[in-house]
Amino acid sequence: MPDVIRYYLNEEPVIRNVDTWRCGEPDHLTEVMDRLDEPGPQAGRQAPAARAS
């Protein structure tokens, strides 16, 4: 997202983006593969399903 903001708005993002890895890029894929055995974020509570009126 920061790249989109820079490209279209020609501004620096105000808030920091969540780190992401693009696995199509060799360096990113290596980073992901090296960290597969690390615990990831816990699944949060899911919002309850909307009720029909």
N, C-alpha and C. Protein backbone atom coordinates (compact mmCIF):
# COMPACT_ATOMS: atom_id res chain seq x y z
N MET A 1 0.81 -1.20 0.00
CA MET A 1 0.00 0.00 0.00
C MET A 1 0.85 1.27 0.00
N PRO A 2 1.96 1.27 0.72
CA PRO A 2 2.78 2.49 0.71
C PRO A 2 3.23 2.88 -0.71
N ASP A 3 3.53 1.87 -1.53
CA ASP A 3 3.94 2.17 -2.90
C ASP A 3 2.81 2.82 -3.69
N VAL A 4 1.58 2.38 -3.43
CA VAL A 4 0.42 2.97 -4.12
C VAL A 4 0.25 4.43 -3.69
N ILE A 5 0.38 4.70 -2.42
CA ILE A 5 0.26 6.07 -1.90
C ILE A 5 1.33 6.96 -2.52
N ARG A 6 2.56 6.45 -2.54
CA ARG A 6 3.64 7.25 -3.13
C ARG A 6 3.40 7.51 -4.61
N TYR A 7 2.95 6.49 -5.33
CA TYR A 7 2.75 6.61 -6.77
C TYR A 7 1.61 7.58 -7.11
N TYR A 8 0.45 7.37 -6.51
CA TYR A 8 -0.73 8.16 -6.89
C TYR A 8 -0.82 9.52 -6.19
N LEU A 9 -0.35 9.60 -4.95
CA LEU A 9 -0.48 10.85 -4.20
C LEU A 9 0.81 11.63 -4.11
N ASN A 10 1.92 10.98 -4.50
CA ASN A 10 3.23 11.61 -4.40
C ASN A 10 3.49 12.11 -2.98
N GLU A 11 3.10 11.26 -2.01
CA GLU A 11 3.26 11.59 -0.59
C GLU A 11 3.81 10.36 0.13
N GLU A 12 4.38 10.58 1.30
CA GLU A 12 4.78 9.47 2.15
C GLU A 12 3.58 9.05 2.99
N PRO A 13 3.40 7.75 3.22
CA PRO A 13 2.29 7.29 4.05
C PRO A 13 2.39 7.87 5.47
N VAL A 14 1.25 8.13 6.07
CA VAL A 14 1.18 8.70 7.41
C VAL A 14 1.38 7.62 8.47
N ILE A 15 0.81 6.44 8.23
CA ILE A 15 0.96 5.35 9.19
C ILE A 15 1.77 4.22 8.56
N ARG A 16 2.41 3.43 9.40
CA ARG A 16 3.24 2.34 8.94
C ARG A 16 2.37 1.18 8.47
N ASN A 17 2.79 0.53 7.41
CA ASN A 17 2.08 -0.62 6.87
C ASN A 17 2.52 -1.89 7.59
N VAL A 18 1.67 -2.89 7.58
CA VAL A 18 2.02 -4.20 8.12
C VAL A 18 3.05 -4.82 7.17
N ASP A 19 4.09 -5.44 7.75
CA ASP A 19 5.10 -6.09 6.92
C ASP A 19 4.47 -7.22 6.11
N THR A 20 4.78 -7.27 4.83
CA THR A 20 4.30 -8.34 3.97
C THR A 20 5.47 -8.81 3.11
N TRP A 21 5.37 -10.03 2.64
CA TRP A 21 6.40 -10.56 1.76
C TRP A 21 5.74 -10.99 0.46
N ARG A 22 6.32 -10.60 -0.65
CA ARG A 22 5.85 -11.00 -1.97
C ARG A 22 6.65 -12.22 -2.38
N CYS A 23 6.04 -13.38 -2.26
CA CYS A 23 6.77 -14.64 -2.46
C CYS A 23 7.21 -14.85 -3.90
N GLY A 24 6.79 -14.01 -4.82
CA GLY A 24 7.27 -14.07 -6.19
C GLY A 24 8.66 -13.46 -6.32
N GLU A 25 9.11 -12.77 -5.27
CA GLU A 25 10.45 -12.18 -5.28
C GLU A 25 11.36 -13.11 -4.49
N PRO A 26 12.48 -13.55 -5.10
CA PRO A 26 13.35 -14.55 -4.47
C PRO A 26 13.78 -14.21 -3.04
N ASP A 27 14.16 -12.97 -2.76
CA ASP A 27 14.58 -12.61 -1.40
C ASP A 27 13.44 -12.75 -0.41
N HIS A 28 12.25 -12.37 -0.82
CA HIS A 28 11.09 -12.47 0.06
C HIS A 28 10.74 -13.94 0.30
N LEU A 29 10.79 -14.75 -0.77
CA LEU A 29 10.48 -16.17 -0.62
C LEU A 29 11.45 -16.83 0.35
N THR A 30 12.72 -16.50 0.25
CA THR A 30 13.72 -17.06 1.16
C THR A 30 13.39 -16.69 2.60
N GLU A 31 13.02 -15.44 2.84
CA GLU A 31 12.66 -14.98 4.19
C GLU A 31 11.46 -15.76 4.72
N VAL A 32 10.46 -15.95 3.90
CA VAL A 32 9.26 -16.68 4.32
C VAL A 32 9.61 -18.14 4.63
N MET A 33 10.35 -18.78 3.75
CA MET A 33 10.69 -20.18 3.94
C MET A 33 11.54 -20.38 5.20
N ASP A 34 12.43 -19.43 5.47
CA ASP A 34 13.27 -19.51 6.66
C ASP A 34 12.49 -19.35 7.96
N ARG A 35 11.29 -18.76 7.88
CA ARG A 35 10.53 -18.45 9.10
C ARG A 35 9.29 -19.32 9.27
N LEU A 36 9.11 -20.33 8.44
CA LEU A 36 7.90 -21.15 8.52
C LEU A 36 7.72 -21.85 9.86
N ASP A 37 8.82 -22.15 10.54
CA ASP A 37 8.69 -22.85 11.81
C ASP A 37 8.41 -21.92 12.99
N GLU A 38 8.39 -20.61 12.76
CA GLU A 38 8.09 -19.65 13.82
C GLU A 38 6.59 -19.55 14.03
N PRO A 39 6.18 -19.36 15.28
CA PRO A 39 4.74 -19.18 15.51
C PRO A 39 4.25 -17.87 14.88
N GLY A 40 3.08 -17.91 14.33
CA GLY A 40 2.50 -16.72 13.71
C GLY A 40 1.48 -16.10 14.63
N PRO A 41 0.81 -15.07 14.14
CA PRO A 41 -0.22 -14.42 14.97
C PRO A 41 -1.38 -15.38 15.24
N GLN A 42 -1.95 -15.24 16.40
CA GLN A 42 -3.09 -16.08 16.75
C GLN A 42 -4.33 -15.58 16.02
N ALA A 43 -5.17 -16.51 15.65
CA ALA A 43 -6.42 -16.13 15.00
C ALA A 43 -7.28 -15.37 16.00
N GLY A 44 -7.79 -14.23 15.58
CA GLY A 44 -8.64 -13.44 16.46
C GLY A 44 -10.06 -13.96 16.47
N ARG A 45 -10.84 -13.38 17.32
CA ARG A 45 -12.26 -13.76 17.34
C ARG A 45 -12.91 -13.34 16.05
N GLN A 46 -13.75 -14.17 15.54
CA GLN A 46 -14.49 -13.81 14.34
C GLN A 46 -15.78 -13.10 14.73
N ALA A 47 -16.16 -12.16 13.91
CA ALA A 47 -17.41 -11.44 14.16
C ALA A 47 -18.58 -12.41 14.01
N PRO A 48 -19.60 -12.25 14.83
CA PRO A 48 -20.76 -13.13 14.69
C PRO A 48 -21.45 -12.88 13.36
N ALA A 49 -22.07 -13.92 12.84
CA ALA A 49 -22.78 -13.80 11.55
C ALA A 49 -23.94 -12.84 11.70
N ALA A 50 -24.22 -12.11 10.64
CA ALA A 50 -25.34 -11.17 10.65
C ALA A 50 -26.64 -11.94 10.73
N ARG A 51 -27.56 -11.41 11.51
CA ARG A 51 -28.86 -12.07 11.65
C ARG A 51 -29.84 -11.51 10.63
N ALA A 52 -30.63 -12.39 10.07
CA ALA A 52 -31.67 -11.96 9.14
C ALA A 52 -32.80 -11.31 9.93
N SER A 53 -33.33 -10.21 9.42
CA SER A 53 -34.43 -9.53 10.12
C SER A 53 -35.74 -10.14 9.79
